[in-house]
Protein backbone atom coordinates (compact mmCIF):
# COMPACT_ATOMS: atom_id res chain seq x y z
CA MET A 1 -186.21 21.61 -63.13
CA THR A 2 -189.88 21.53 -63.58
CA MET A 3 -191.93 25.00 -64.48
CA LEU A 4 -193.79 24.33 -61.03
CA ARG A 5 -190.31 24.43 -58.89
CA VAL A 6 -189.19 27.44 -60.94
CA PHE A 7 -192.59 29.10 -59.98
CA LEU A 8 -192.20 27.91 -56.23
CA MET A 9 -188.75 29.36 -56.24
CA VAL A 10 -189.62 32.86 -57.67
CA LEU A 11 -192.77 33.65 -55.76
CA PRO A 12 -191.55 34.36 -52.46
CA ALA A 13 -189.50 37.23 -54.43
CA LEU A 14 -192.48 38.70 -56.20
CA LEU A 15 -194.68 38.58 -52.96
CA ILE A 16 -191.84 40.65 -51.36
CA GLY A 17 -191.80 43.47 -54.30
CA CYS A 18 -195.63 43.33 -53.94
CA THR A 19 -195.20 44.75 -50.50
CA GLY A 20 -193.46 47.68 -51.39
CA THR A 21 -191.28 49.17 -48.42
CA GLY A 22 -193.77 47.19 -45.82
CA GLY A 23 -195.02 50.80 -44.82
CA TYR A 24 -191.48 52.21 -43.80
CA LEU A 25 -190.24 55.64 -45.40
CA ALA A 26 -186.96 57.45 -45.35
CA PRO A 27 -187.25 60.82 -43.54
CA GLU A 28 -186.09 62.62 -46.34
CA ASP A 29 -189.07 61.52 -48.23
CA ARG A 30 -191.43 62.55 -45.54
CA PRO A 31 -193.55 65.86 -45.66
CA PRO A 32 -191.77 68.66 -43.68
CA GLU A 33 -192.70 68.88 -39.72
CA SER A 34 -194.07 71.98 -37.74
CA ALA A 35 -192.20 72.93 -34.95
CA PRO A 36 -194.18 71.67 -31.81
CA GLY A 37 -196.78 74.31 -31.09
CA ALA A 38 -196.37 76.13 -34.53
CA GLU A 39 -199.66 77.06 -36.35
CA ALA A 40 -199.74 77.02 -40.03
CA GLN A 41 -199.60 80.91 -41.61
CA TYR A 42 -203.15 81.75 -42.70
CA ARG A 43 -203.31 82.46 -46.37
CA LEU A 44 -205.85 84.75 -47.81
CA GLY A 45 -208.75 83.58 -50.21
CA GLU A 46 -211.49 84.94 -52.14
CA GLY A 47 -213.98 86.92 -49.70
CA ASP A 48 -211.39 87.51 -47.30
CA VAL A 49 -211.52 91.32 -46.30
CA ILE A 50 -208.30 93.03 -45.31
CA THR A 51 -207.24 96.68 -44.36
CA VAL A 52 -204.07 97.88 -46.17
CA SER A 53 -202.21 100.50 -44.11
CA VAL A 54 -199.62 102.88 -45.37
CA TRP A 55 -197.81 104.57 -42.97
CA LYS A 56 -197.90 108.23 -42.87
CA ASN A 57 -200.04 107.95 -45.95
CA PRO A 58 -203.82 107.55 -44.75
CA ASP A 59 -204.88 108.58 -48.39
CA LEU A 60 -203.74 105.19 -49.50
CA SER A 61 -205.35 103.43 -46.69
CA VAL A 62 -207.84 101.08 -47.91
CA ARG A 63 -210.37 98.34 -46.36
CA VAL A 64 -210.86 95.45 -49.63
CA PRO A 65 -211.77 92.25 -50.38
CA VAL A 66 -210.15 89.38 -51.93
CA ARG A 67 -211.42 89.53 -55.49
CA PRO A 68 -212.45 85.69 -57.35
CA ASP A 69 -209.14 86.33 -59.25
CA GLY A 70 -207.25 86.59 -55.96
CA TYR A 71 -206.34 90.15 -56.23
CA VAL A 72 -207.15 93.05 -54.06
CA SER A 73 -207.48 97.08 -55.34
CA VAL A 74 -204.87 99.23 -53.52
CA PRO A 75 -204.80 103.00 -54.46
CA LEU A 76 -201.70 104.32 -56.37
CA VAL A 77 -200.29 101.22 -57.40
CA GLY A 78 -203.39 98.66 -58.56
CA ASP A 79 -203.84 95.30 -58.47
CA VAL A 80 -201.80 93.22 -55.71
CA LEU A 81 -201.86 89.46 -55.31
CA ALA A 82 -203.38 88.35 -52.18
CA GLY A 83 -204.97 85.21 -53.01
CA GLY A 84 -202.95 82.01 -51.22
CA LYS A 85 -200.46 84.64 -49.92
CA THR A 86 -200.18 85.57 -46.25
CA PRO A 87 -200.54 89.06 -44.63
CA ALA A 88 -196.78 89.51 -44.45
CA GLU A 89 -196.25 88.57 -48.33
CA ILE A 90 -198.98 90.92 -49.49
CA ALA A 91 -197.37 93.58 -47.27
CA ARG A 92 -194.08 93.35 -48.59
CA ASP A 93 -195.60 93.09 -52.41
CA THR A 94 -197.31 96.10 -51.80
CA GLU A 95 -194.35 97.90 -50.50
CA GLY A 96 -192.06 96.84 -53.74
CA LYS A 97 -194.92 98.62 -55.75
CA LEU A 98 -195.21 101.50 -53.86
CA GLN A 99 -191.29 102.19 -54.11
CA GLN A 100 -191.58 103.98 -57.24
CA PHE A 101 -193.96 106.28 -55.39
CA ILE A 102 -192.67 106.58 -51.86
CA ARG A 103 -189.57 106.44 -50.22
CA THR A 104 -189.24 103.42 -47.98
CA PRO A 105 -192.72 102.66 -47.63
CA ARG A 106 -194.14 100.66 -44.83
CA VAL A 107 -197.15 98.60 -45.47
CA SER A 108 -199.13 96.96 -42.63
CA ILE A 109 -202.12 94.24 -43.62
CA ILE A 110 -204.64 93.06 -41.20
CA VAL A 111 -206.89 90.51 -41.62
CA GLU A 112 -210.42 91.92 -40.98
CA GLU A 113 -212.70 89.22 -42.14
CA LEU A 114 -211.68 85.18 -42.68
CA ASN A 115 -214.67 84.14 -44.92
CA SER A 116 -212.75 81.74 -46.95
CA ALA A 117 -211.02 80.14 -43.59
CA GLU A 118 -213.92 77.59 -43.44
CA PHE A 119 -213.00 76.04 -46.55
CA GLN A 120 -209.08 76.55 -46.31
CA ASN A 121 -208.97 74.91 -42.88
CA ARG A 122 -210.46 71.69 -43.84
CA VAL A 123 -208.88 68.04 -44.21
CA ARG A 124 -210.10 65.91 -46.50
CA VAL A 125 -210.24 61.88 -47.65
CA VAL A 126 -211.70 60.53 -50.71
CA GLY A 127 -211.66 57.15 -52.59
CA GLY A 128 -211.59 53.58 -50.73
CA VAL A 129 -213.24 54.90 -47.21
CA ALA A 130 -216.42 53.77 -45.83
CA GLN A 131 -217.66 57.69 -46.12
CA PRO A 132 -215.44 60.35 -47.69
CA ARG A 133 -215.24 63.55 -45.47
CA SER A 134 -214.32 66.88 -45.76
CA MET A 135 -213.92 68.17 -41.71
CA GLY A 136 -212.42 71.12 -40.07
CA HIS A 137 -208.50 70.43 -39.25
CA ARG A 138 -207.97 69.91 -35.37
CA SER A 139 -204.59 70.19 -33.90
CA GLY A 140 -202.82 67.17 -33.62
CA MET A 141 -204.44 65.41 -36.04
CA THR A 142 -203.04 62.53 -38.28
CA VAL A 143 -203.60 60.53 -41.46
CA LEU A 144 -205.16 57.77 -39.16
CA ASP A 145 -207.56 60.11 -37.09
CA LEU A 146 -209.06 61.07 -40.75
CA VAL A 147 -209.37 57.57 -41.96
CA LEU A 148 -211.01 56.52 -38.68
CA GLU A 149 -213.38 59.36 -39.12
CA ALA A 150 -213.98 58.47 -42.41
CA GLY A 151 -215.27 54.98 -41.00
CA GLY A 152 -211.72 53.18 -42.07
CA LEU A 153 -211.02 51.64 -45.34
CA ASN A 154 -213.58 50.10 -47.67
CA GLU A 155 -213.56 46.17 -48.93
CA PHE A 156 -212.13 47.54 -52.64
CA ALA A 157 -209.51 50.37 -51.16
CA SER A 158 -205.76 49.66 -52.17
CA GLY A 159 -204.42 50.86 -48.74
CA GLU A 160 -200.85 51.03 -49.44
CA SER A 161 -201.23 53.14 -52.99
CA ALA A 162 -202.78 56.05 -50.58
CA LYS A 163 -201.17 59.48 -51.14
CA LEU A 164 -201.16 62.84 -49.19
CA TYR A 165 -201.51 66.00 -51.30
CA ARG A 166 -200.03 68.98 -49.51
CA THR A 167 -198.93 72.48 -50.87
CA VAL A 168 -195.96 73.28 -49.45
CA ASP A 169 -194.53 77.00 -49.77
CA GLY A 170 -197.25 77.22 -52.44
CA VAL A 171 -196.15 74.20 -54.59
CA PRO A 172 -198.01 71.29 -54.63
CA GLN A 173 -196.43 68.06 -53.15
CA VAL A 174 -197.60 64.24 -53.08
CA TYR A 175 -196.49 61.92 -50.79
CA PRO A 176 -196.97 57.96 -50.04
CA VAL A 177 -199.19 56.86 -47.29
CA TYR A 178 -199.23 52.91 -46.60
CA LEU A 179 -202.44 52.93 -44.78
CA ASP A 180 -202.28 48.84 -44.70
CA SER A 181 -199.27 49.06 -42.94
CA ILE A 182 -200.28 51.51 -40.68
CA LEU A 183 -203.84 49.56 -39.80
CA LYS A 184 -202.38 46.07 -39.93
CA ASN A 185 -198.80 46.29 -39.09
CA GLY A 186 -198.73 49.44 -36.75
CA VAL A 187 -195.64 50.57 -39.16
CA LEU A 188 -196.40 54.35 -38.15
CA ASP A 189 -193.81 56.20 -40.66
CA THR A 190 -196.61 57.42 -43.03
CA ASN A 191 -199.35 58.18 -40.17
CA TYR A 192 -198.56 61.68 -40.71
CA MET A 193 -199.49 64.84 -38.89
CA LEU A 194 -201.99 66.67 -41.08
CA SER A 195 -201.98 70.25 -42.03
CA PRO A 196 -205.07 72.39 -43.07
CA GLY A 197 -205.61 71.90 -46.70
CA ASP A 198 -204.33 68.22 -46.79
CA VAL A 199 -206.24 65.46 -48.85
CA ILE A 200 -206.06 61.88 -48.56
CA SER A 201 -206.52 59.92 -51.48
CA ILE A 202 -207.29 56.44 -51.54
CA PRO A 203 -207.70 54.16 -55.12
CA GLU A 204 -209.75 51.14 -55.39
CA ARG A 205 -208.73 47.83 -56.78
CA ARG A 206 -210.31 47.42 -59.87
CA PHE A 207 -211.46 43.60 -60.79
């Protein structure tokens, strides 16, 4: 058997291997889906202003901004982490710290100013697109919507190697995005619904 015949026999297998999954992805490997109509809980960021109210203890209630280090200052207990947390989580943490001073404290958090919302609620696409974009998230927006807003893939894009970066329950996660399969073959397994803060990164081929 000549080397040419061996190469021709092996070539199809190599081509199949290069195509990966063909754009299909097992359900357990996909990012978690929000319930229909559900909105992502807002998480505080630098510059947001909240009012911390302690039931039956007005002297402990205070209106404070979230500092650059992510903390707010609360009377009696000192610093409480607020950055990256929801109002409910901040209230629970504050109650835990107050328990050594007050029996069964009840804390409520009211968000007065959403100064960091503009950045937290954006989605971004970088890398192999015509025009990298950072834009406000809209309900129902998908990976394909964001890529089209960026003018589509450029000539150097490696679409099947794209990644979605998302923070889930405070933990950064990475999910594959098979853009060539979406755009060329209509395989929509990885055309995920986007959430605020999502980043799509599309590598470019090196020649």
